[in-house]
Amino acid sequence: MVRTEISLFLKNAPGELGKLTALLAQAGINIDAITIQDASSYVKELFKARGKSLKRIASAASYNSMSKDSADFALIRLLPSNGSINQAMDLLSENEYLFDIMPVIAVTLHNRPGELADIATLLGREGININYVYGSAAGPDERCLFIFCPDDIEHAARIFKEKGE
């Protein structure tokens, strides 16, 4: 249910994802879920949010420079298999990757229309914002693994537990 996700910026260049995943594979660490996005969109959203809150920590020129530089990187979010989070963090540190960790909720859902809608609606009714979600199914009769990053992890975990997910 509540698991630890690793977020890191990876150079947006051919072979970099292969190096990262080979490193984890050689250590016997399986990746249960992964999502990758161009870091520039992440940085732009971050700047937009900071701009609305009027809590800028740098000049506009600095923001423009960071936005241009961020296109050279991808934001990777990955969920190592249960029990391997400490090993994965040690391995990333030893290999000089800069990363952060975040508690997330990992649930297996039925692969049917409306399943995600039901959960998103339920969380919304409870006043819980979903910062991001990603998931996938192996086939029409398989269950899906979805990763939720809610703004209130404890409240969301109670809801998922009550729902039996």
N, C-alpha and C. Protein backbone atom coordinates (compact mmCIF):
# COMPACT_ATOMS: atom_id res chain seq x y z
N MET A 1 0.83 -1.18 0.00
CA MET A 1 0.00 0.00 0.00
C MET A 1 0.88 1.25 0.00
N VAL A 2 1.33 1.75 1.16
CA VAL A 2 2.23 2.91 1.17
C VAL A 2 3.63 2.38 0.89
N ARG A 3 4.22 2.93 -0.15
CA ARG A 3 5.56 2.52 -0.57
C ARG A 3 6.41 3.76 -0.76
N THR A 4 7.69 3.55 -1.01
CA THR A 4 8.62 4.66 -1.23
C THR A 4 9.04 4.69 -2.69
N GLU A 5 8.80 5.83 -3.31
CA GLU A 5 9.17 6.06 -4.70
C GLU A 5 10.47 6.86 -4.74
N ILE A 6 11.28 6.59 -5.73
CA ILE A 6 12.52 7.34 -5.94
C ILE A 6 12.32 8.25 -7.15
N SER A 7 12.65 9.52 -6.98
CA SER A 7 12.61 10.49 -8.08
C SER A 7 14.03 10.96 -8.35
N LEU A 8 14.39 11.02 -9.61
CA LEU A 8 15.71 11.53 -9.94
C LEU A 8 15.70 12.16 -11.32
N PHE A 9 16.63 13.07 -11.52
CA PHE A 9 16.83 13.66 -12.83
C PHE A 9 17.92 12.86 -13.52
N LEU A 10 17.65 12.51 -14.75
CA LEU A 10 18.59 11.72 -15.54
C LEU A 10 18.88 12.49 -16.82
N LYS A 11 20.13 12.48 -17.24
CA LYS A 11 20.49 13.16 -18.49
C LYS A 11 19.61 12.62 -19.61
N ASN A 12 19.03 13.52 -20.37
CA ASN A 12 18.13 13.16 -21.46
C ASN A 12 18.96 12.88 -22.70
N ALA A 13 19.59 11.70 -22.72
CA ALA A 13 20.49 11.32 -23.81
C ALA A 13 20.40 9.81 -24.03
N PRO A 14 20.68 9.38 -25.26
CA PRO A 14 20.63 7.95 -25.55
C PRO A 14 21.52 7.14 -24.61
N GLY A 15 20.98 6.06 -24.09
CA GLY A 15 21.75 5.14 -23.25
C GLY A 15 21.70 5.39 -21.76
N GLU A 16 21.25 6.58 -21.34
CA GLU A 16 21.26 6.90 -19.91
C GLU A 16 20.27 6.05 -19.12
N LEU A 17 19.07 5.85 -19.66
CA LEU A 17 18.09 5.00 -18.99
C LEU A 17 18.60 3.57 -18.93
N GLY A 18 19.27 3.12 -19.98
CA GLY A 18 19.85 1.78 -20.00
C GLY A 18 20.88 1.60 -18.90
N LYS A 19 21.73 2.62 -18.70
CA LYS A 19 22.75 2.55 -17.63
C LYS A 19 22.10 2.45 -16.26
N LEU A 20 21.09 3.29 -16.03
CA LEU A 20 20.41 3.28 -14.73
C LEU A 20 19.74 1.94 -14.47
N THR A 21 18.97 1.46 -15.42
CA THR A 21 18.22 0.22 -15.21
C THR A 21 19.14 -1.00 -15.17
N ALA A 22 20.25 -0.98 -15.92
CA ALA A 22 21.22 -2.07 -15.84
C ALA A 22 21.87 -2.12 -14.47
N LEU A 23 22.15 -0.95 -13.91
CA LEU A 23 22.74 -0.87 -12.57
C LEU A 23 21.81 -1.53 -11.54
N LEU A 24 20.53 -1.19 -11.63
CA LEU A 24 19.55 -1.79 -10.71
C LEU A 24 19.42 -3.30 -10.96
N ALA A 25 19.38 -3.68 -12.22
CA ALA A 25 19.24 -5.10 -12.56
C ALA A 25 20.42 -5.93 -12.06
N GLN A 26 21.63 -5.40 -12.20
CA GLN A 26 22.82 -6.13 -11.75
C GLN A 26 22.80 -6.34 -10.24
N ALA A 27 22.13 -5.45 -9.52
CA ALA A 27 22.02 -5.58 -8.07
C ALA A 27 20.81 -6.43 -7.68
N GLY A 28 20.06 -6.92 -8.67
CA GLY A 28 18.90 -7.75 -8.38
C GLY A 28 17.67 -6.96 -7.94
N ILE A 29 17.64 -5.68 -8.28
CA ILE A 29 16.51 -4.83 -7.89
C ILE A 29 15.54 -4.73 -9.06
N ASN A 30 14.33 -5.20 -8.82
CA ASN A 30 13.29 -5.12 -9.84
C ASN A 30 12.56 -3.79 -9.72
N ILE A 31 12.11 -3.27 -10.85
CA ILE A 31 11.33 -2.04 -10.86
C ILE A 31 9.87 -2.42 -11.05
N ASP A 32 9.05 -2.15 -10.04
CA ASP A 32 7.62 -2.47 -10.14
C ASP A 32 6.88 -1.47 -11.01
N ALA A 33 7.31 -0.21 -11.02
CA ALA A 33 6.66 0.82 -11.84
C ALA A 33 7.67 1.92 -12.13
N ILE A 34 7.50 2.55 -13.28
CA ILE A 34 8.39 3.64 -13.66
C ILE A 34 7.63 4.60 -14.58
N THR A 35 7.92 5.87 -14.45
CA THR A 35 7.41 6.87 -15.36
C THR A 35 8.54 7.85 -15.66
N ILE A 36 8.56 8.33 -16.87
CA ILE A 36 9.61 9.24 -17.32
C ILE A 36 8.95 10.41 -18.03
N GLN A 37 9.40 11.61 -17.70
CA GLN A 37 8.90 12.79 -18.42
C GLN A 37 10.04 13.76 -18.64
N ASP A 38 9.91 14.55 -19.68
CA ASP A 38 10.86 15.61 -19.96
C ASP A 38 10.84 16.54 -18.76
N ALA A 39 11.97 16.83 -18.20
CA ALA A 39 12.03 17.65 -16.99
C ALA A 39 11.62 19.09 -17.25
N SER A 40 11.67 19.56 -18.48
CA SER A 40 11.32 20.96 -18.74
C SER A 40 9.86 21.22 -18.40
N SER A 41 8.96 20.26 -18.68
CA SER A 41 7.55 20.48 -18.34
C SER A 41 7.37 20.50 -16.83
N TYR A 42 8.11 19.67 -16.13
CA TYR A 42 8.06 19.65 -14.66
C TYR A 42 8.54 20.98 -14.10
N VAL A 43 9.65 21.47 -14.62
CA VAL A 43 10.21 22.74 -14.15
C VAL A 43 9.26 23.89 -14.47
N LYS A 44 8.66 23.88 -15.65
CA LYS A 44 7.72 24.95 -16.02
C LYS A 44 6.53 24.98 -15.06
N GLU A 45 6.00 23.82 -14.72
CA GLU A 45 4.87 23.76 -13.78
C GLU A 45 5.30 24.25 -12.40
N LEU A 46 6.49 23.88 -12.00
CA LEU A 46 7.01 24.34 -10.71
C LEU A 46 7.12 25.86 -10.69
N PHE A 47 7.64 26.43 -11.79
CA PHE A 47 7.79 27.88 -11.86
C PHE A 47 6.42 28.56 -11.88
N LYS A 48 5.47 27.96 -12.60
CA LYS A 48 4.14 28.54 -12.68
C LYS A 48 3.50 28.57 -11.28
N ALA A 49 3.65 27.47 -10.54
CA ALA A 49 3.10 27.40 -9.18
C ALA A 49 3.77 28.42 -8.28
N ARG A 50 5.06 28.54 -8.38
CA ARG A 50 5.77 29.52 -7.55
C ARG A 50 5.39 30.94 -7.94
N GLY A 51 5.17 31.17 -9.23
CA GLY A 51 4.77 32.49 -9.70
C GLY A 51 3.42 32.89 -9.14
N LYS A 52 2.49 31.93 -9.07
CA LYS A 52 1.16 32.22 -8.53
C LYS A 52 1.22 32.51 -7.03
N SER A 53 2.13 31.83 -6.35
CA SER A 53 2.23 32.02 -4.90
C SER A 53 3.06 33.25 -4.55
N LEU A 54 3.69 33.83 -5.57
CA LEU A 54 4.57 35.00 -5.39
C LEU A 54 5.76 34.71 -4.49
N LYS A 55 6.14 33.46 -4.40
CA LYS A 55 7.29 33.08 -3.57
C LYS A 55 8.45 32.68 -4.48
N ARG A 56 8.89 33.61 -5.28
CA ARG A 56 10.02 33.33 -6.17
C ARG A 56 11.30 33.29 -5.34
N ILE A 57 12.16 32.35 -5.68
CA ILE A 57 13.43 32.24 -4.96
C ILE A 57 14.60 32.66 -5.84
N ALA A 58 14.29 33.08 -7.05
CA ALA A 58 15.34 33.51 -7.98
C ALA A 58 14.75 34.55 -8.92
N SER A 59 15.62 35.23 -9.64
CA SER A 59 15.17 36.23 -10.60
C SER A 59 14.51 35.55 -11.80
N ALA A 60 13.74 36.33 -12.56
CA ALA A 60 13.09 35.80 -13.77
C ALA A 60 14.13 35.25 -14.74
N ALA A 61 15.28 35.91 -14.84
CA ALA A 61 16.35 35.44 -15.74
C ALA A 61 16.85 34.07 -15.30
N SER A 62 16.96 33.87 -13.98
CA SER A 62 17.39 32.57 -13.47
C SER A 62 16.38 31.49 -13.80
N TYR A 63 15.09 31.81 -13.69
CA TYR A 63 14.05 30.85 -14.03
C TYR A 63 14.12 30.48 -15.50
N ASN A 64 14.31 31.47 -16.37
CA ASN A 64 14.41 31.19 -17.80
C ASN A 64 15.61 30.31 -18.10
N SER A 65 16.73 30.56 -17.45
CA SER A 65 17.93 29.75 -17.64
C SER A 65 17.70 28.31 -17.17
N MET A 66 17.09 28.15 -16.00
CA MET A 66 16.82 26.80 -15.48
C MET A 66 15.86 26.06 -16.39
N SER A 67 14.88 26.76 -16.93
CA SER A 67 13.91 26.14 -17.83
C SER A 67 14.60 25.59 -19.08
N LYS A 68 15.52 26.36 -19.65
CA LYS A 68 16.27 25.92 -20.83
C LYS A 68 17.16 24.73 -20.49
N ASP A 69 17.84 24.80 -19.35
CA ASP A 69 18.74 23.71 -18.94
C ASP A 69 17.97 22.42 -18.65
N SER A 70 16.74 22.54 -18.16
CA SER A 70 15.99 21.36 -17.75
C SER A 70 15.61 20.47 -18.92
N ALA A 71 15.61 20.99 -20.14
CA ALA A 71 15.30 20.17 -21.31
C ALA A 71 16.37 19.11 -21.53
N ASP A 72 17.53 19.29 -20.92
CA ASP A 72 18.61 18.32 -21.05
C ASP A 72 18.44 17.13 -20.11
N PHE A 73 17.39 17.16 -19.28
CA PHE A 73 17.19 16.11 -18.30
C PHE A 73 15.77 15.58 -18.36
N ALA A 74 15.61 14.36 -17.88
CA ALA A 74 14.29 13.74 -17.75
C ALA A 74 14.04 13.48 -16.27
N LEU A 75 12.80 13.63 -15.87
CA LEU A 75 12.40 13.30 -14.50
C LEU A 75 11.95 11.85 -14.48
N ILE A 76 12.64 11.04 -13.69
CA ILE A 76 12.34 9.62 -13.57
C ILE A 76 11.70 9.40 -12.20
N ARG A 77 10.57 8.72 -12.19
CA ARG A 77 9.97 8.28 -10.93
C ARG A 77 9.90 6.76 -11.03
N LEU A 78 10.48 6.10 -10.04
CA LEU A 78 10.45 4.64 -10.09
C LEU A 78 10.14 4.05 -8.72
N LEU A 79 9.49 2.91 -8.76
CA LEU A 79 9.11 2.19 -7.56
C LEU A 79 9.85 0.87 -7.53
N PRO A 80 10.91 0.80 -6.69
CA PRO A 80 11.63 -0.47 -6.58
C PRO A 80 10.74 -1.53 -5.93
N SER A 81 11.01 -2.78 -6.22
CA SER A 81 10.21 -3.86 -5.63
C SER A 81 10.26 -3.80 -4.11
N ASN A 82 9.23 -4.35 -3.48
CA ASN A 82 9.14 -4.35 -2.02
C ASN A 82 10.41 -4.89 -1.40
N GLY A 83 10.87 -4.22 -0.37
CA GLY A 83 12.04 -4.67 0.36
C GLY A 83 13.38 -4.24 -0.21
N SER A 84 13.37 -3.57 -1.37
CA SER A 84 14.66 -3.22 -1.98
C SER A 84 14.92 -1.72 -2.00
N ILE A 85 14.10 -0.92 -1.33
CA ILE A 85 14.27 0.53 -1.38
C ILE A 85 15.61 0.97 -0.80
N ASN A 86 16.01 0.43 0.33
CA ASN A 86 17.29 0.83 0.94
C ASN A 86 18.46 0.45 0.06
N GLN A 87 18.41 -0.74 -0.51
CA GLN A 87 19.46 -1.19 -1.41
C GLN A 87 19.53 -0.28 -2.65
N ALA A 88 18.37 0.09 -3.17
CA ALA A 88 18.33 0.96 -4.35
C ALA A 88 18.91 2.34 -4.02
N MET A 89 18.53 2.89 -2.88
CA MET A 89 19.05 4.20 -2.48
C MET A 89 20.56 4.15 -2.27
N ASP A 90 21.05 3.10 -1.63
CA ASP A 90 22.50 2.96 -1.43
C ASP A 90 23.22 2.88 -2.78
N LEU A 91 22.68 2.10 -3.68
CA LEU A 91 23.28 1.93 -5.01
C LEU A 91 23.31 3.25 -5.78
N LEU A 92 22.22 3.99 -5.74
CA LEU A 92 22.17 5.28 -6.42
C LEU A 92 23.16 6.27 -5.81
N SER A 93 23.25 6.28 -4.50
CA SER A 93 24.21 7.17 -3.82
C SER A 93 25.64 6.81 -4.19
N GLU A 94 25.97 5.52 -4.15
CA GLU A 94 27.32 5.07 -4.48
C GLU A 94 27.71 5.45 -5.91
N ASN A 95 26.71 5.53 -6.79
CA ASN A 95 26.98 5.85 -8.20
C ASN A 95 26.69 7.32 -8.52
N GLU A 96 26.60 8.13 -7.47
CA GLU A 96 26.50 9.59 -7.55
C GLU A 96 25.28 10.10 -8.30
N TYR A 97 24.16 9.36 -8.20
CA TYR A 97 22.89 9.87 -8.71
C TYR A 97 22.29 10.75 -7.63
N LEU A 98 21.73 11.88 -8.02
CA LEU A 98 21.02 12.73 -7.09
C LEU A 98 19.55 12.34 -7.16
N PHE A 99 18.97 12.04 -6.01
CA PHE A 99 17.59 11.56 -6.00
C PHE A 99 16.88 12.03 -4.75
N ASP A 100 15.58 11.86 -4.78
CA ASP A 100 14.73 12.17 -3.64
C ASP A 100 13.79 10.99 -3.46
N ILE A 101 13.22 10.86 -2.29
CA ILE A 101 12.24 9.80 -2.06
C ILE A 101 10.92 10.44 -1.65
N MET A 102 9.85 9.72 -1.94
CA MET A 102 8.51 10.23 -1.67
C MET A 102 7.61 9.06 -1.31
N PRO A 103 6.81 9.20 -0.25
CA PRO A 103 5.84 8.14 0.02
C PRO A 103 4.70 8.23 -1.01
N VAL A 104 4.32 7.10 -1.54
CA VAL A 104 3.23 7.01 -2.51
C VAL A 104 2.36 5.82 -2.13
N ILE A 105 1.24 5.71 -2.78
CA ILE A 105 0.36 4.57 -2.56
C ILE A 105 0.35 3.73 -3.82
N ALA A 106 0.70 2.46 -3.69
CA ALA A 106 0.70 1.53 -4.81
C ALA A 106 -0.44 0.54 -4.59
N VAL A 107 -1.34 0.46 -5.55
CA VAL A 107 -2.47 -0.44 -5.44
C VAL A 107 -2.68 -1.20 -6.75
N THR A 108 -3.20 -2.39 -6.62
CA THR A 108 -3.60 -3.14 -7.81
C THR A 108 -5.10 -2.96 -7.98
N LEU A 109 -5.49 -2.60 -9.18
CA LEU A 109 -6.89 -2.32 -9.48
C LEU A 109 -7.39 -3.30 -10.53
N HIS A 110 -8.69 -3.47 -10.57
CA HIS A 110 -9.29 -4.25 -11.64
C HIS A 110 -9.16 -3.47 -12.94
N ASN A 111 -8.92 -4.16 -14.03
CA ASN A 111 -8.77 -3.52 -15.33
C ASN A 111 -10.14 -3.47 -16.00
N ARG A 112 -10.92 -2.45 -15.59
CA ARG A 112 -12.26 -2.28 -16.15
C ARG A 112 -12.59 -0.79 -16.21
N PRO A 113 -13.47 -0.43 -17.13
CA PRO A 113 -13.84 0.98 -17.26
C PRO A 113 -14.42 1.53 -15.94
N GLY A 114 -13.97 2.70 -15.57
CA GLY A 114 -14.51 3.37 -14.39
C GLY A 114 -13.77 3.13 -13.10
N GLU A 115 -12.85 2.18 -13.07
CA GLU A 115 -12.13 1.87 -11.83
C GLU A 115 -11.33 3.08 -11.33
N LEU A 116 -10.56 3.69 -12.23
CA LEU A 116 -9.78 4.87 -11.86
C LEU A 116 -10.71 6.04 -11.54
N ALA A 117 -11.79 6.18 -12.30
CA ALA A 117 -12.77 7.25 -12.05
C ALA A 117 -13.36 7.13 -10.65
N ASP A 118 -13.69 5.91 -10.24
CA ASP A 118 -14.26 5.69 -8.91
C ASP A 118 -13.29 6.14 -7.81
N ILE A 119 -12.04 5.75 -7.97
CA ILE A 119 -11.04 6.09 -6.95
C ILE A 119 -10.77 7.59 -6.93
N ALA A 120 -10.61 8.19 -8.10
CA ALA A 120 -10.35 9.62 -8.18
C ALA A 120 -11.53 10.42 -7.60
N THR A 121 -12.74 9.97 -7.88
CA THR A 121 -13.94 10.63 -7.34
C THR A 121 -13.99 10.50 -5.83
N LEU A 122 -13.71 9.32 -5.33
CA LEU A 122 -13.73 9.09 -3.89
C LEU A 122 -12.69 9.97 -3.18
N LEU A 123 -11.49 10.00 -3.70
CA LEU A 123 -10.45 10.85 -3.09
C LEU A 123 -10.85 12.32 -3.16
N GLY A 124 -11.42 12.74 -4.28
CA GLY A 124 -11.87 14.11 -4.42
C GLY A 124 -12.95 14.47 -3.41
N ARG A 125 -13.90 13.57 -3.21
CA ARG A 125 -14.97 13.81 -2.22
C ARG A 125 -14.40 13.96 -0.82
N GLU A 126 -13.29 13.27 -0.57
CA GLU A 126 -12.65 13.33 0.74
C GLU A 126 -11.70 14.53 0.87
N GLY A 127 -11.63 15.34 -0.20
CA GLY A 127 -10.78 16.53 -0.17
C GLY A 127 -9.31 16.25 -0.38
N ILE A 128 -9.01 15.10 -0.97
CA ILE A 128 -7.61 14.71 -1.21
C ILE A 128 -7.26 14.99 -2.67
N ASN A 129 -6.25 15.80 -2.87
CA ASN A 129 -5.76 16.08 -4.21
C ASN A 129 -4.76 15.00 -4.63
N ILE A 130 -4.85 14.60 -5.88
CA ILE A 130 -3.88 13.65 -6.43
C ILE A 130 -2.85 14.47 -7.19
N ASN A 131 -1.62 14.51 -6.68
CA ASN A 131 -0.56 15.29 -7.33
C ASN A 131 -0.17 14.67 -8.67
N TYR A 132 -0.07 13.35 -8.70
CA TYR A 132 0.17 12.63 -9.94
C TYR A 132 -0.17 11.17 -9.73
N VAL A 133 -0.41 10.49 -10.83
CA VAL A 133 -0.72 9.06 -10.82
C VAL A 133 -0.15 8.46 -12.10
N TYR A 134 0.30 7.21 -12.00
CA TYR A 134 0.71 6.49 -13.19
C TYR A 134 0.43 5.01 -12.97
N GLY A 135 0.23 4.30 -14.06
CA GLY A 135 -0.07 2.88 -13.94
C GLY A 135 -0.18 2.23 -15.29
N SER A 136 -0.41 0.93 -15.25
CA SER A 136 -0.46 0.17 -16.47
C SER A 136 -1.07 -1.20 -16.20
N ALA A 137 -1.56 -1.83 -17.26
CA ALA A 137 -2.09 -3.20 -17.17
C ALA A 137 -1.37 -4.08 -18.18
N ALA A 138 -1.21 -5.34 -17.84
CA ALA A 138 -0.54 -6.27 -18.74
C ALA A 138 -1.49 -6.82 -19.81
N GLY A 139 -2.77 -6.77 -19.55
CA GLY A 139 -3.74 -7.28 -20.51
C GLY A 139 -5.15 -7.07 -19.99
N PRO A 140 -6.15 -7.37 -20.81
CA PRO A 140 -7.54 -7.08 -20.44
C PRO A 140 -8.03 -7.84 -19.20
N ASP A 141 -7.50 -8.99 -18.92
CA ASP A 141 -7.95 -9.76 -17.77
C ASP A 141 -7.00 -9.67 -16.58
N GLU A 142 -5.98 -8.86 -16.71
CA GLU A 142 -4.98 -8.71 -15.65
C GLU A 142 -5.33 -7.52 -14.77
N ARG A 143 -4.89 -7.58 -13.52
CA ARG A 143 -5.06 -6.43 -12.63
C ARG A 143 -3.98 -5.40 -12.97
N CYS A 144 -4.25 -4.15 -12.63
CA CYS A 144 -3.37 -3.04 -12.96
C CYS A 144 -2.63 -2.58 -11.71
N LEU A 145 -1.39 -2.17 -11.85
CA LEU A 145 -0.66 -1.54 -10.76
C LEU A 145 -0.69 -0.04 -11.01
N PHE A 146 -1.25 0.70 -10.04
CA PHE A 146 -1.30 2.15 -10.13
C PHE A 146 -0.59 2.76 -8.94
N ILE A 147 0.12 3.85 -9.21
CA ILE A 147 0.85 4.58 -8.18
C ILE A 147 0.19 5.94 -8.04
N PHE A 148 -0.23 6.26 -6.82
CA PHE A 148 -0.88 7.54 -6.53
C PHE A 148 0.03 8.34 -5.60
N CYS A 149 0.16 9.63 -5.90
CA CYS A 149 0.85 10.54 -4.99
C CYS A 149 -0.17 11.58 -4.53
N PRO A 150 -0.86 11.29 -3.42
CA PRO A 150 -1.86 12.23 -2.91
C PRO A 150 -1.21 13.27 -2.01
N ASP A 151 -1.91 14.39 -1.82
CA ASP A 151 -1.35 15.41 -0.94
C ASP A 151 -1.47 15.05 0.53
N ASP A 152 -2.34 14.11 0.87
CA ASP A 152 -2.48 13.65 2.26
C ASP A 152 -2.36 12.13 2.25
N ILE A 153 -1.14 11.64 2.39
CA ILE A 153 -0.86 10.21 2.26
C ILE A 153 -1.56 9.38 3.32
N GLU A 154 -1.60 9.86 4.57
CA GLU A 154 -2.23 9.08 5.64
C GLU A 154 -3.73 8.93 5.41
N HIS A 155 -4.39 10.03 5.07
CA HIS A 155 -5.83 9.99 4.83
C HIS A 155 -6.14 9.09 3.63
N ALA A 156 -5.39 9.24 2.56
CA ALA A 156 -5.60 8.41 1.37
C ALA A 156 -5.35 6.94 1.68
N ALA A 157 -4.34 6.63 2.47
CA ALA A 157 -4.05 5.24 2.82
C ALA A 157 -5.22 4.63 3.60
N ARG A 158 -5.82 5.40 4.51
CA ARG A 158 -6.99 4.90 5.25
C ARG A 158 -8.14 4.61 4.30
N ILE A 159 -8.35 5.47 3.34
CA ILE A 159 -9.44 5.27 2.38
C ILE A 159 -9.21 4.01 1.56
N PHE A 160 -8.00 3.81 1.05
CA PHE A 160 -7.68 2.63 0.28
C PHE A 160 -7.83 1.36 1.14
N LYS A 161 -7.44 1.45 2.39
CA LYS A 161 -7.55 0.29 3.29
C LYS A 161 -9.03 -0.06 3.51
N GLU A 162 -9.84 0.96 3.76
CA GLU A 162 -11.28 0.73 3.96
C GLU A 162 -11.93 0.16 2.70
N LYS A 163 -11.45 0.60 1.54
CA LYS A 163 -12.00 0.12 0.27
C LYS A 163 -11.51 -1.30 -0.06
N GLY A 164 -10.45 -1.73 0.64
CA GLY A 164 -9.93 -3.08 0.41
C GLY A 164 -8.94 -3.17 -0.71
N GLU A 165 -8.33 -2.07 -1.09
CA GLU A 165 -7.34 -2.07 -2.17
C GLU A 165 -5.97 -2.39 -1.63
